[in-house]
Amino acid sequence: MIYKQGFDFCFDEKACVACGGKCCVGESGNIFASFEELEAIRAFLGLEKAEFVKTYLRKVGLRYSFKECEFENGFACIFFDQRKKNCSIYELRPKQCRTFPFWDYFKKHKEELKNECIGIYF
């Protein structure tokens, strides 16, 4: 179980195995990564910068977000393996993904979190 100060819930990371990637799919949104995180993913994939940006990223203001693909009744992160139903770059996933579900947003939107993540306990 993972507990984080300031949050009134805990998270069982073992639930991710059975989940099917619900935090990686759903409504369209932004999945931001720092330039350092993007460089690590680019190097891991063995792509030149221009090809990596063209294939996997979209510009949102001054930042980059991962592209999305259509999936079931919504969207999935481009790095979501739709066959295995998990993250294909899990070890390199950006901070936004690593810190899930401990986002300030979920302090006030507990029902939404409960519907999205089977590993949450209040």
PDB file of N, CA and C in Angstrom:
ATOM      1  N   MET A   1       0.839  -1.175   0.000  1.00  0.00           N
ATOM      2  CA  MET A   1       0.000   0.000   0.000  1.00  0.00           C
ATOM      3  C   MET A   1       0.887   1.243   0.000  1.00  0.00           C
ATOM      4  N   ILE A   2       0.471   2.214  -0.776  1.00  0.00           N
ATOM      5  CA  ILE A   2       1.185   3.492  -0.819  1.00  0.00           C
ATOM      6  C   ILE A   2       0.295   4.559  -0.189  1.00  0.00           C
ATOM      7  N   TYR A   3       0.880   5.285   0.733  1.00  0.00           N
ATOM      8  CA  TYR A   3       0.204   6.389   1.398  1.00  0.00           C
ATOM      9  C   TYR A   3       0.981   7.648   1.067  1.00  0.00           C
ATOM     10  N   LYS A   4       0.277   8.762   0.940  1.00  0.00           N
ATOM     11  CA  LYS A   4       0.960  10.029   0.705  1.00  0.00           C
ATOM     12  C   LYS A   4       0.332  11.083   1.604  1.00  0.00           C
ATOM     13  N   GLN A   5       1.189  11.825   2.275  1.00  0.00           N
ATOM     14  CA  GLN A   5       0.724  12.866   3.186  1.00  0.00           C
ATOM     15  C   GLN A   5      -0.165  13.856   2.447  1.00  0.00           C
ATOM     16  N   GLY A   6      -1.271  14.207   3.089  1.00  0.00           N
ATOM     17  CA  GLY A   6      -2.201  15.164   2.513  1.00  0.00           C
ATOM     18  C   GLY A   6      -3.330  14.522   1.728  1.00  0.00           C
ATOM     19  N   PHE A   7      -3.296  13.207   1.574  1.00  0.00           N
ATOM     20  CA  PHE A   7      -4.346  12.482   0.851  1.00  0.00           C
ATOM     21  C   PHE A   7      -5.044  11.535   1.812  1.00  0.00           C
ATOM     22  N   ASP A   8      -6.366  11.468   1.720  1.00  0.00           N
ATOM     23  CA  ASP A   8      -7.127  10.619   2.635  1.00  0.00           C
ATOM     24  C   ASP A   8      -7.474   9.264   2.010  1.00  0.00           C
ATOM     25  N   PHE A   9      -6.658   8.828   1.099  1.00  0.00           N
ATOM     26  CA  PHE A   9      -6.798   7.502   0.510  1.00  0.00           C
ATOM     27  C   PHE A   9      -5.408   6.907   0.328  1.00  0.00           C
ATOM     28  N   CYS A  10      -5.388   5.612   0.125  1.00  0.00           N
ATOM     29  CA  CYS A  10      -4.131   4.935  -0.174  1.00  0.00           C
ATOM     30  C   CYS A  10      -4.303   4.170  -1.481  1.00  0.00           C
ATOM     31  N   PHE A  11      -3.199   3.700  -1.998  1.00  0.00           N
ATOM     32  CA  PHE A  11      -3.191   3.068  -3.311  1.00  0.00           C
ATOM     33  C   PHE A  11      -2.425   1.759  -3.244  1.00  0.00           C
ATOM     34  N   ASP A  12      -3.065   0.695  -3.702  1.00  0.00           N
ATOM     35  CA  ASP A  12      -2.433  -0.619  -3.785  1.00  0.00           C
ATOM     36  C   ASP A  12      -1.943  -0.811  -5.219  1.00  0.00           C
ATOM     37  N   GLU A  13      -0.640  -0.609  -5.433  1.00  0.00           N
ATOM     38  CA  GLU A  13      -0.077  -0.700  -6.784  1.00  0.00           C
ATOM     39  C   GLU A  13      -0.196  -2.085  -7.402  1.00  0.00           C
ATOM     40  N   LYS A  14      -0.435  -3.104  -6.588  1.00  0.00           N
ATOM     41  CA  LYS A  14      -0.615  -4.464  -7.115  1.00  0.00           C
ATOM     42  C   LYS A  14      -1.905  -4.578  -7.929  1.00  0.00           C
ATOM     43  N   ALA A  15      -2.839  -3.671  -7.704  1.00  0.00           N
ATOM     44  CA  ALA A  15      -4.104  -3.689  -8.441  1.00  0.00           C
ATOM     45  C   ALA A  15      -3.903  -3.374  -9.921  1.00  0.00           C
ATOM     46  N   CYS A  16      -2.802  -2.732 -10.261  1.00  0.00           N
ATOM     47  CA  CYS A  16      -2.534  -2.367 -11.664  1.00  0.00           C
ATOM     48  C   CYS A  16      -2.504  -3.593 -12.579  1.00  0.00           C
ATOM     49  N   VAL A  17      -2.064  -4.709 -12.061  1.00  0.00           N
ATOM     50  CA  VAL A  17      -1.971  -5.932 -12.867  1.00  0.00           C
ATOM     51  C   VAL A  17      -3.342  -6.350 -13.393  1.00  0.00           C
ATOM     52  N   ALA A  18      -4.365  -6.230 -12.571  1.00  0.00           N
ATOM     53  CA  ALA A  18      -5.711  -6.658 -12.945  1.00  0.00           C
ATOM     54  C   ALA A  18      -6.559  -5.555 -13.571  1.00  0.00           C
ATOM     55  N   CYS A  19      -6.075  -4.340 -13.547  1.00  0.00           N
ATOM     56  CA  CYS A  19      -6.877  -3.180 -13.935  1.00  0.00           C
ATOM     57  C   CYS A  19      -7.159  -3.082 -15.424  1.00  0.00           C
ATOM     58  N   GLY A  20      -6.176  -3.317 -16.248  1.00  0.00           N
ATOM     59  CA  GLY A  20      -6.355  -3.137 -17.690  1.00  0.00           C
ATOM     60  C   GLY A  20      -6.084  -1.717 -18.155  1.00  0.00           C
ATOM     61  N   GLY A  21      -5.400  -0.936 -17.353  1.00  0.00           N
ATOM     62  CA  GLY A  21      -4.962   0.389 -17.766  1.00  0.00           C
ATOM     63  C   GLY A  21      -6.015   1.473 -17.797  1.00  0.00           C
ATOM     64  N   LYS A  22      -6.940   1.447 -16.871  1.00  0.00           N
ATOM     65  CA  LYS A  22      -8.003   2.456 -16.875  1.00  0.00           C
ATOM     66  C   LYS A  22      -7.470   3.884 -16.751  1.00  0.00           C
ATOM     67  N   CYS A  23      -6.322   4.073 -16.137  1.00  0.00           N
ATOM     68  CA  CYS A  23      -5.765   5.423 -16.018  1.00  0.00           C
ATOM     69  C   CYS A  23      -5.104   5.877 -17.316  1.00  0.00           C
ATOM     70  N   CYS A  24      -4.929   4.977 -18.263  1.00  0.00           N
ATOM     71  CA  CYS A  24      -4.295   5.298 -19.553  1.00  0.00           C
ATOM     72  C   CYS A  24      -5.307   5.497 -20.671  1.00  0.00           C
ATOM     73  N   VAL A  25      -6.563   5.256 -20.381  1.00  0.00           N
ATOM     74  CA  VAL A  25      -7.607   5.331 -21.404  1.00  0.00           C
ATOM     75  C   VAL A  25      -8.802   6.131 -20.887  1.00  0.00           C
ATOM     76  N   GLY A  26      -9.652   6.543 -21.811  1.00  0.00           N
ATOM     77  CA  GLY A  26     -10.873   7.252 -21.422  1.00  0.00           C
ATOM     78  C   GLY A  26     -11.074   8.483 -22.267  1.00  0.00           C
ATOM     79  N   GLU A  27     -11.437   9.574 -21.618  1.00  0.00           N
ATOM     80  CA  GLU A  27     -11.647  10.829 -22.324  1.00  0.00           C
ATOM     81  C   GLU A  27     -10.308  11.369 -22.817  1.00  0.00           C
ATOM     82  N   SER A  28     -10.367  12.183 -23.840  1.00  0.00           N
ATOM     83  CA  SER A  28      -9.162  12.823 -24.355  1.00  0.00           C
ATOM     84  C   SER A  28      -8.585  13.757 -23.303  1.00  0.00           C
ATOM     85  N   GLY A  29      -7.281  13.858 -23.271  1.00  0.00           N
ATOM     86  CA  GLY A  29      -6.621  14.734 -22.313  1.00  0.00           C
ATOM     87  C   GLY A  29      -5.164  14.914 -22.673  1.00  0.00           C
ATOM     88  N   ASN A  30      -4.447  15.584 -21.827  1.00  0.00           N
ATOM     89  CA  ASN A  30      -3.025  15.813 -22.049  1.00  0.00           C
ATOM     90  C   ASN A  30      -2.197  14.937 -21.134  1.00  0.00           C
ATOM     91  N   ILE A  31      -1.157  14.371 -21.695  1.00  0.00           N
ATOM     92  CA  ILE A  31      -0.188  13.588 -20.941  1.00  0.00           C
ATOM     93  C   ILE A  31       1.145  14.291 -21.145  1.00  0.00           C
ATOM     94  N   PHE A  32       1.510  15.138 -20.195  1.00  0.00           N
ATOM     95  CA  PHE A  32       2.701  15.958 -20.342  1.00  0.00           C
ATOM     96  C   PHE A  32       3.941  15.247 -19.821  1.00  0.00           C
ATOM     97  N   ALA A  33       5.064  15.598 -20.412  1.00  0.00           N
ATOM     98  CA  ALA A  33       6.355  15.064 -19.986  1.00  0.00           C
ATOM     99  C   ALA A  33       7.383  16.185 -20.093  1.00  0.00           C
ATOM    100  N   SER A  34       8.373  16.138 -19.229  1.00  0.00           N
ATOM    101  CA  SER A  34       9.448  17.127 -19.278  1.00  0.00           C
ATOM    102  C   SER A  34      10.364  16.808 -20.464  1.00  0.00           C
ATOM    103  N   PHE A  35      11.199  17.754 -20.817  1.00  0.00           N
ATOM    104  CA  PHE A  35      12.142  17.516 -21.911  1.00  0.00           C
ATOM    105  C   PHE A  35      13.090  16.369 -21.565  1.00  0.00           C
ATOM    106  N   GLU A  36      13.480  16.256 -20.303  1.00  0.00           N
ATOM    107  CA  GLU A  36      14.365  15.164 -19.890  1.00  0.00           C
ATOM    108  C   GLU A  36      13.665  13.812 -20.025  1.00  0.00           C
ATOM    109  N   GLU A  37      12.412  13.758 -19.629  1.00  0.00           N
ATOM    110  CA  GLU A  37      11.645  12.514 -19.752  1.00  0.00           C
ATOM    111  C   GLU A  37      11.462  12.143 -21.225  1.00  0.00           C
ATOM    112  N   LEU A  38      11.163  13.145 -22.040  1.00  0.00           N
ATOM    113  CA  LEU A  38      10.994  12.889 -23.482  1.00  0.00           C
ATOM    114  C   LEU A  38      12.285  12.384 -24.102  1.00  0.00           C
ATOM    115  N   GLU A  39      13.407  12.951 -23.706  1.00  0.00           N
ATOM    116  CA  GLU A  39      14.694  12.520 -24.252  1.00  0.00           C
ATOM    117  C   GLU A  39      14.988  11.069 -23.860  1.00  0.00           C
ATOM    118  N   ALA A  40      14.674  10.696 -22.645  1.00  0.00           N
ATOM    119  CA  ALA A  40      14.897   9.312 -22.208  1.00  0.00           C
ATOM    120  C   ALA A  40      14.028   8.343 -23.010  1.00  0.00           C
ATOM    121  N   ILE A  41      12.791   8.706 -23.267  1.00  0.00           N
ATOM    122  CA  ILE A  41      11.893   7.845 -24.051  1.00  0.00           C
ATOM    123  C   ILE A  41      12.378   7.762 -25.488  1.00  0.00           C
ATOM    124  N   ARG A  42      12.767   8.907 -26.053  1.00  0.00           N
ATOM    125  CA  ARG A  42      13.275   8.941 -27.430  1.00  0.00           C
ATOM    126  C   ARG A  42      14.492   8.028 -27.582  1.00  0.00           C
ATOM    127  N   ALA A  43      15.423   8.137 -26.634  1.00  0.00           N
ATOM    128  CA  ALA A  43      16.630   7.302 -26.679  1.00  0.00           C
ATOM    129  C   ALA A  43      16.280   5.823 -26.546  1.00  0.00           C
ATOM    130  N   PHE A  44      15.367   5.511 -25.649  1.00  0.00           N
ATOM    131  CA  PHE A  44      14.919   4.125 -25.455  1.00  0.00           C
ATOM    132  C   PHE A  44      14.342   3.544 -26.754  1.00  0.00           C
ATOM    133  N   LEU A  45      13.580   4.365 -27.469  1.00  0.00           N
ATOM    134  CA  LEU A  45      12.971   3.920 -28.727  1.00  0.00           C
ATOM    135  C   LEU A  45      13.958   3.936 -29.890  1.00  0.00           C
ATOM    136  N   GLY A  46      15.101   4.572 -29.696  1.00  0.00           N
ATOM    137  CA  GLY A  46      16.128   4.623 -30.727  1.00  0.00           C
ATOM    138  C   GLY A  46      15.746   5.471 -31.930  1.00  0.00           C
ATOM    139  N   LEU A  47      15.017   6.548 -31.690  1.00  0.00           N
ATOM    140  CA  LEU A  47      14.562   7.399 -32.785  1.00  0.00           C
ATOM    141  C   LEU A  47      15.300   8.729 -32.788  1.00  0.00           C
ATOM    142  N   GLU A  48      15.409   9.314 -33.967  1.00  0.00           N
ATOM    143  CA  GLU A  48      15.902  10.680 -34.084  1.00  0.00           C
ATOM    144  C   GLU A  48      14.826  11.598 -33.516  1.00  0.00           C
ATOM    145  N   LYS A  49      15.245  12.769 -33.054  1.00  0.00           N
ATOM    146  CA  LYS A  49      14.315  13.687 -32.400  1.00  0.00           C
ATOM    147  C   LYS A  49      13.125  14.031 -33.283  1.00  0.00           C
ATOM    148  N   ALA A  50      13.369  14.378 -34.534  1.00  0.00           N
ATOM    149  CA  ALA A  50      12.278  14.789 -35.430  1.00  0.00           C
ATOM    150  C   ALA A  50      11.269  13.660 -35.626  1.00  0.00           C
ATOM    151  N   GLU A  51      11.743  12.437 -35.778  1.00  0.00           N
ATOM    152  CA  GLU A  51      10.844  11.293 -35.971  1.00  0.00           C
ATOM    153  C   GLU A  51      10.050  11.006 -34.700  1.00  0.00           C
ATOM    154  N   PHE A  52      10.701  11.110 -33.550  1.00  0.00           N
ATOM    155  CA  PHE A  52      10.021  10.898 -32.270  1.00  0.00           C
ATOM    156  C   PHE A  52       8.901  11.917 -32.078  1.00  0.00           C
ATOM    157  N   VAL A  53       9.218  13.200 -32.313  1.00  0.00           N
ATOM    158  CA  VAL A  53       8.220  14.254 -32.149  1.00  0.00           C
ATOM    159  C   VAL A  53       7.058  14.031 -33.103  1.00  0.00           C
ATOM    160  N   LYS A  54       7.344  13.747 -34.344  1.00  0.00           N
ATOM    161  CA  LYS A  54       6.303  13.554 -35.363  1.00  0.00           C
ATOM    162  C   LYS A  54       5.400  12.366 -35.029  1.00  0.00           C
ATOM    163  N   THR A  55       5.979  11.304 -34.546  1.00  0.00           N
ATOM    164  CA  THR A  55       5.243  10.059 -34.310  1.00  0.00           C
ATOM    165  C   THR A  55       4.463  10.052 -32.997  1.00  0.00           C
ATOM    166  N   TYR A  56       5.044  10.594 -31.939  1.00  0.00           N
ATOM    167  CA  TYR A  56       4.489  10.387 -30.603  1.00  0.00           C
ATOM    168  C   TYR A  56       3.977  11.624 -29.875  1.00  0.00           C
ATOM    169  N   LEU A  57       4.301  12.819 -30.340  1.00  0.00           N
ATOM    170  CA  LEU A  57       3.988  14.017 -29.565  1.00  0.00           C
ATOM    171  C   LEU A  57       3.115  15.005 -30.320  1.00  0.00           C
ATOM    172  N   ARG A  58       2.468  15.850 -29.528  1.00  0.00           N
ATOM    173  CA  ARG A  58       1.755  16.996 -30.087  1.00  0.00           C
ATOM    174  C   ARG A  58       2.063  18.188 -29.198  1.00  0.00           C
ATOM    175  N   LYS A  59       2.149  19.338 -29.797  1.00  0.00           N
ATOM    176  CA  LYS A  59       2.485  20.563 -29.085  1.00  0.00           C
ATOM    177  C   LYS A  59       1.222  21.144 -28.449  1.00  0.00           C
ATOM    178  N   VAL A  60       1.305  21.462 -27.169  1.00  0.00           N
ATOM    179  CA  VAL A  60       0.206  22.090 -26.432  1.00  0.00           C
ATOM    180  C   VAL A  60       0.808  23.320 -25.756  1.00  0.00           C
ATOM    181  N   GLY A  61       0.584  24.470 -26.352  1.00  0.00           N
ATOM    182  CA  GLY A  61       1.223  25.676 -25.840  1.00  0.00           C
ATOM    183  C   GLY A  61       2.729  25.551 -26.004  1.00  0.00           C
ATOM    184  N   LEU A  62       3.447  25.682 -24.905  1.00  0.00           N
ATOM    185  CA  LEU A  62       4.901  25.566 -24.926  1.00  0.00           C
ATOM    186  C   LEU A  62       5.390  24.176 -24.521  1.00  0.00           C
ATOM    187  N   ARG A  63       4.459  23.263 -24.304  1.00  0.00           N
ATOM    188  CA  ARG A  63       4.805  21.927 -23.818  1.00  0.00           C
ATOM    189  C   ARG A  63       4.458  20.873 -24.857  1.00  0.00           C
ATOM    190  N   TYR A  64       4.922  19.669 -24.594  1.00  0.00           N
ATOM    191  CA  TYR A  64       4.558  18.524 -25.423  1.00  0.00           C
ATOM    192  C   TYR A  64       3.680  17.580 -24.618  1.00  0.00           C
ATOM    193  N   SER A  65       2.703  17.016 -25.304  1.00  0.00           N
ATOM    194  CA  SER A  65       1.840  15.986 -24.728  1.00  0.00           C
ATOM    195  C   SER A  65       1.931  14.763 -25.633  1.00  0.00           C
ATOM    196  N   PHE A  66       1.788  13.591 -25.064  1.00  0.00           N
ATOM    197  CA  PHE A  66       1.745  12.385 -25.882  1.00  0.00           C
ATOM    198  C   PHE A  66       0.484  12.413 -26.738  1.00  0.00           C
ATOM    199  N   LYS A  67       0.604  11.902 -27.933  1.00  0.00           N
ATOM    200  CA  LYS A  67      -0.570  11.755 -28.777  1.00  0.00           C
ATOM    201  C   LYS A  67      -1.468  10.687 -28.173  1.00  0.00           C
ATOM    202  N   GLU A  68      -2.694  10.637 -28.675  1.00  0.00           N
ATOM    203  CA  GLU A  68      -3.645   9.615 -28.245  1.00  0.00           C
ATOM    204  C   GLU A  68      -4.131   8.840 -29.466  1.00  0.00           C
ATOM    205  N   CYS A  69      -4.627   7.656 -29.223  1.00  0.00           N
ATOM    206  CA  CYS A  69      -5.214   6.808 -30.257  1.00  0.00           C
ATOM    207  C   CYS A  69      -6.661   6.526 -29.857  1.00  0.00           C
ATOM    208  N   GLU A  70      -7.493   6.272 -30.833  1.00  0.00           N
ATOM    209  CA  GLU A  70      -8.851   5.850 -30.501  1.00  0.00           C
ATOM    210  C   GLU A  70      -8.785   4.472 -29.864  1.00  0.00           C
ATOM    211  N   PHE A  71      -9.605   4.292 -28.835  1.00  0.00           N
ATOM    212  CA  PHE A  71      -9.623   3.015 -28.111  1.00  0.00           C
ATOM    213  C   PHE A  71     -10.996   2.805 -27.510  1.00  0.00           C
ATOM    214  N   GLU A  72     -11.618   1.709 -27.866  1.00  0.00           N
ATOM    215  CA  GLU A  72     -12.946   1.365 -27.372  1.00  0.00           C
ATOM    216  C   GLU A  72     -13.866   2.582 -27.494  1.00  0.00           C
ATOM    217  N   ASN A  73     -14.402   3.093 -26.405  1.00  0.00           N
ATOM    218  CA  ASN A  73     -15.323   4.224 -26.470  1.00  0.00           C
ATOM    219  C   ASN A  73     -14.649   5.553 -26.149  1.00  0.00           C
ATOM    220  N   GLY A  74     -13.352   5.642 -26.370  1.00  0.00           N
ATOM    221  CA  GLY A  74     -12.641   6.866 -26.039  1.00  0.00           C
ATOM    222  C   GLY A  74     -11.269   6.896 -26.670  1.00  0.00           C
ATOM    223  N   PHE A  75     -10.293   7.201 -25.832  1.00  0.00           N
ATOM    224  CA  PHE A  75      -8.930   7.365 -26.307  1.00  0.00           C
ATOM    225  C   PHE A  75      -7.964   6.639 -25.383  1.00  0.00           C
ATOM    226  N   ALA A  76      -6.765   6.393 -25.897  1.00  0.00           N
ATOM    227  CA  ALA A  76      -5.693   5.792 -25.111  1.00  0.00           C
ATOM    228  C   ALA A  76      -4.408   6.540 -25.399  1.00  0.00           C
ATOM    229  N   CYS A  77      -3.556   6.600 -24.426  1.00  0.00           N
ATOM    230  CA  CYS A  77      -2.216   7.138 -24.620  1.00  0.00           C
ATOM    231  C   CYS A  77      -1.542   6.350 -25.736  1.00  0.00           C
ATOM    232  N   ILE A  78      -0.762   7.022 -26.547  1.00  0.00           N
ATOM    233  CA  ILE A  78      -0.094   6.347 -27.661  1.00  0.00           C
ATOM    234  C   ILE A  78       0.846   5.239 -27.183  1.00  0.00           C
ATOM    235  N   PHE A  79       1.292   5.318 -25.943  1.00  0.00           N
ATOM    236  CA  PHE A  79       2.182   4.289 -25.399  1.00  0.00           C
ATOM    237  C   PHE A  79       1.427   3.171 -24.672  1.00  0.00           C
ATOM    238  N   PHE A  80       0.113   3.216 -24.708  1.00  0.00           N
ATOM    239  CA  PHE A  80      -0.689   2.153 -24.104  1.00  0.00           C
ATOM    240  C   PHE A  80      -0.746   0.978 -25.072  1.00  0.00           C
ATOM    241  N   ASP A  81      -0.279  -0.171 -24.625  1.00  0.00           N
ATOM    242  CA  ASP A  81      -0.321  -1.389 -25.442  1.00  0.00           C
ATOM    243  C   ASP A  81      -1.752  -1.927 -25.374  1.00  0.00           C
ATOM    244  N   GLN A  82      -2.485  -1.744 -26.451  1.00  0.00           N
ATOM    245  CA  GLN A  82      -3.908  -2.100 -26.453  1.00  0.00           C
ATOM    246  C   GLN A  82      -4.144  -3.604 -26.393  1.00  0.00           C
ATOM    247  N   ARG A  83      -3.196  -4.383 -26.793  1.00  0.00           N
ATOM    248  CA  ARG A  83      -3.345  -5.840 -26.721  1.00  0.00           C
ATOM    249  C   ARG A  83      -3.072  -6.342 -25.292  1.00  0.00           C
ATOM    250  N   LYS A  84      -1.972  -5.881 -24.706  1.00  0.00           N
ATOM    251  CA  LYS A  84      -1.605  -6.302 -23.353  1.00  0.00           C
ATOM    252  C   LYS A  84      -2.315  -5.498 -22.272  1.00  0.00           C
ATOM    253  N   LYS A  85      -2.880  -4.357 -22.666  1.00  0.00           N
ATOM    254  CA  LYS A  85      -3.585  -3.449 -21.753  1.00  0.00           C
ATOM    255  C   LYS A  85      -2.685  -2.968 -20.617  1.00  0.00           C
ATOM    256  N   ASN A  86      -1.498  -2.485 -21.024  1.00  0.00           N
ATOM    257  CA  ASN A  86      -0.596  -1.871 -20.057  1.00  0.00           C
ATOM    258  C   ASN A  86       0.315  -0.871 -20.771  1.00  0.00           C
ATOM    259  N   CYS A  87       1.115  -0.174 -20.008  1.00  0.00           N
ATOM    260  CA  CYS A  87       2.005   0.855 -20.540  1.00  0.00           C
ATOM    261  C   CYS A  87       3.232   0.211 -21.172  1.00  0.00           C
ATOM    262  N   SER A  88       3.502   0.579 -22.421  1.00  0.00           N
ATOM    263  CA  SER A  88       4.647  -0.005 -23.129  1.00  0.00           C
ATOM    264  C   SER A  88       5.972   0.653 -22.743  1.00  0.00           C
ATOM    265  N   ILE A  89       5.930   1.764 -22.024  1.00  0.00           N
ATOM    266  CA  ILE A  89       7.154   2.438 -21.565  1.00  0.00           C
ATOM    267  C   ILE A  89       7.109   2.620 -20.042  1.00  0.00           C
ATOM    268  N   TYR A  90       6.531   1.670 -19.361  1.00  0.00           N
ATOM    269  CA  TYR A  90       6.242   1.804 -17.935  1.00  0.00           C
ATOM    270  C   TYR A  90       7.439   2.319 -17.128  1.00  0.00           C
ATOM    271  N   GLU A  91       8.602   1.774 -17.321  1.00  0.00           N
ATOM    272  CA  GLU A  91       9.781   2.189 -16.547  1.00  0.00           C
ATOM    273  C   GLU A  91      10.193   3.623 -16.850  1.00  0.00           C
ATOM    274  N   LEU A  92       9.775   4.153 -17.989  1.00  0.00           N
ATOM    275  CA  LEU A  92      10.131   5.513 -18.393  1.00  0.00           C
ATOM    276  C   LEU A  92       8.940   6.470 -18.377  1.00  0.00           C
ATOM    277  N   ARG A  93       7.815   6.036 -17.853  1.00  0.00           N
ATOM    278  CA  ARG A  93       6.624   6.882 -17.869  1.00  0.00           C
ATOM    279  C   ARG A  93       6.914   8.208 -17.161  1.00  0.00           C
ATOM    280  N   PRO A  94       6.292   9.285 -17.631  1.00  0.00           N
ATOM    281  CA  PRO A  94       6.595  10.597 -17.055  1.00  0.00           C
ATOM    282  C   PRO A  94       6.023  10.778 -15.651  1.00  0.00           C
ATOM    283  N   LYS A  95       6.452  11.837 -15.006  1.00  0.00           N
ATOM    284  CA  LYS A  95       6.028  12.141 -13.633  1.00  0.00           C
ATOM    285  C   LYS A  95       4.512  12.174 -13.508  1.00  0.00           C
ATOM    286  N   GLN A  96       3.846  12.733 -14.511  1.00  0.00           N
ATOM    287  CA  GLN A  96       2.381  12.801 -14.455  1.00  0.00           C
ATOM    288  C   GLN A  96       1.792  11.417 -14.242  1.00  0.00           C
ATOM    289  N   CYS A  97       2.348  10.426 -14.886  1.00  0.00           N
ATOM    290  CA  CYS A  97       1.852   9.047 -14.755  1.00  0.00           C
ATOM    291  C   CYS A  97       2.361   8.404 -13.464  1.00  0.00           C
ATOM    292  N   ARG A  98       3.616   8.651 -13.124  1.00  0.00           N
ATOM    293  CA  ARG A  98       4.198   8.050 -11.912  1.00  0.00           C
ATOM    294  C   ARG A  98       3.504   8.515 -10.646  1.00  0.00           C
ATOM    295  N   THR A  99       2.982   9.736 -10.637  1.00  0.00           N
ATOM    296  CA  THR A  99       2.365  10.270  -9.424  1.00  0.00           C
ATOM    297  C   THR A  99       0.882   9.920  -9.306  1.00  0.00           C
ATOM    298  N   PHE A 100       0.294   9.362 -10.358  1.00  0.00           N
ATOM    299  CA  PHE A 100      -1.100   8.933 -10.287  1.00  0.00           C
ATOM    300  C   PHE A 100      -1.230   7.855  -9.227  1.00  0.00           C
ATOM    301  N   PRO A 101      -2.224   7.863  -8.390  1.00  0.00           N
ATOM    302  CA  PRO A 101      -3.416   8.690  -8.319  1.00  0.00           C
ATOM    303  C   PRO A 101      -3.300   9.883  -7.374  1.00  0.00           C
ATOM    304  N   PHE A 102      -2.093  10.187  -6.929  1.00  0.00           N
ATOM    305  CA  PHE A 102      -1.925  11.248  -5.945  1.00  0.00           C
ATOM    306  C   PHE A 102      -1.806  12.616  -6.616  1.00  0.00           C
ATOM    307  N   TRP A 103      -2.906  13.011  -7.230  1.00  0.00           N
ATOM    308  CA  TRP A 103      -3.022  14.325  -7.852  1.00  0.00           C
ATOM    309  C   TRP A 103      -3.952  15.158  -6.992  1.00  0.00           C
ATOM    310  N   ASP A 104      -3.643  16.431  -6.835  1.00  0.00           N
ATOM    311  CA  ASP A 104      -4.498  17.320  -6.042  1.00  0.00           C
ATOM    312  C   ASP A 104      -5.940  17.309  -6.541  1.00  0.00           C
ATOM    313  N   TYR A 105      -6.119  17.154  -7.828  1.00  0.00           N
ATOM    314  CA  TYR A 105      -7.458  17.111  -8.425  1.00  0.00           C
ATOM    315  C   TYR A 105      -8.338  16.076  -7.723  1.00  0.00           C
ATOM    316  N   PHE A 106      -7.761  14.936  -7.413  1.00  0.00           N
ATOM    317  CA  PHE A 106      -8.547  13.844  -6.830  1.00  0.00           C
ATOM    318  C   PHE A 106      -8.882  14.046  -5.355  1.00  0.00           C
ATOM    319  N   LYS A 107      -8.306  15.040  -4.722  1.00  0.00           N
ATOM    320  CA  LYS A 107      -8.695  15.351  -3.340  1.00  0.00           C
ATOM    321  C   LYS A 107     -10.155  15.778  -3.284  1.00  0.00           C
ATOM    322  N   LYS A 108     -10.639  16.403  -4.368  1.00  0.00           N
ATOM    323  CA  LYS A 108     -12.015  16.884  -4.418  1.00  0.00           C
ATOM    324  C   LYS A 108     -12.897  16.072  -5.361  1.00  0.00           C
ATOM    325  N   HIS A 109     -12.327  15.151  -6.081  1.00  0.00           N
ATOM    326  CA  HIS A 109     -13.079  14.361  -7.058  1.00  0.00           C
ATOM    327  C   HIS A 109     -12.897  12.865  -6.768  1.00  0.00           C
ATOM    328  N   LYS A 110     -13.266  12.488  -5.554  1.00  0.00           N
ATOM    329  CA  LYS A 110     -13.030  11.117  -5.097  1.00  0.00           C
ATOM    330  C   LYS A 110     -13.872  10.083  -5.830  1.00  0.00           C
ATOM    331  N   GLU A 111     -15.086  10.425  -6.181  1.00  0.00           N
ATOM    332  CA  GLU A 111     -15.938   9.471  -6.906  1.00  0.00           C
ATOM    333  C   GLU A 111     -15.359   9.170  -8.288  1.00  0.00           C
ATOM    334  N   GLU A 112     -14.845  10.199  -8.922  1.00  0.00           N
ATOM    335  CA  GLU A 112     -14.218  10.008 -10.232  1.00  0.00           C
ATOM    336  C   GLU A 112     -13.006   9.084 -10.108  1.00  0.00           C
ATOM    337  N   LEU A 113     -12.194   9.306  -9.102  1.00  0.00           N
ATOM    338  CA  LEU A 113     -11.029   8.462  -8.867  1.00  0.00           C
ATOM    339  C   LEU A 113     -11.449   7.033  -8.572  1.00  0.00           C
ATOM    340  N   LYS A 114     -12.464   6.883  -7.747  1.00  0.00           N
ATOM    341  CA  LYS A 114     -12.958   5.547  -7.378  1.00  0.00           C
ATOM    342  C   LYS A 114     -13.400   4.770  -8.627  1.00  0.00           C
ATOM    343  N   ASN A 115     -14.019   5.475  -9.582  1.00  0.00           N
ATOM    344  CA  ASN A 115     -14.452   4.831 -10.823  1.00  0.00           C
ATOM    345  C   ASN A 115     -13.287   4.522 -11.761  1.00  0.00           C
ATOM    346  N   GLU A 116     -12.220   5.284 -11.634  1.00  0.00           N
ATOM    347  CA  GLU A 116     -11.086   5.120 -12.538  1.00  0.00           C
ATOM    348  C   GLU A 116     -10.052   4.117 -12.041  1.00  0.00           C
ATOM    349  N   CYS A 117      -9.920   3.970 -10.735  1.00  0.00           N
ATOM    350  CA  CYS A 117      -8.830   3.165 -10.203  1.00  0.00           C
ATOM    351  C   CYS A 117      -9.316   2.139  -9.184  1.00  0.00           C
ATOM    352  N   ILE A 118      -9.085   0.874  -9.485  1.00  0.00           N
ATOM    353  CA  ILE A 118      -9.520  -0.204  -8.589  1.00  0.00           C
ATOM    354  C   ILE A 118      -8.582  -0.387  -7.395  1.00  0.00           C
ATOM    355  N   GLY A 119      -7.447   0.329  -7.397  1.00  0.00           N
ATOM    356  CA  GLY A 119      -6.468   0.176  -6.324  1.00  0.00           C
ATOM    357  C   GLY A 119      -6.578   1.202  -5.222  1.00  0.00           C
ATOM    358  N   ILE A 120      -7.663   1.977  -5.219  1.00  0.00           N
ATOM    359  CA  ILE A 120      -7.845   3.047  -4.241  1.00  0.00           C
ATOM    360  C   ILE A 120      -8.650   2.546  -3.044  1.00  0.00           C
ATOM    361  N   TYR A 121      -8.182   2.932  -1.876  1.00  0.00           N
ATOM    362  CA  TYR A 121      -8.900   2.597  -0.635  1.00  0.00           C
ATOM    363  C   TYR A 121      -9.020   3.852   0.204  1.00  0.00           C
ATOM    364  N   PHE A 122     -10.249   4.144   0.626  1.00  0.00           N
ATOM    365  CA  PHE A 122     -10.525   5.308   1.460  1.00  0.00           C
ATOM    366  C   PHE A 122     -10.599   4.922   2.918  1.00  0.00           C
TER     367      PHE A 122
END
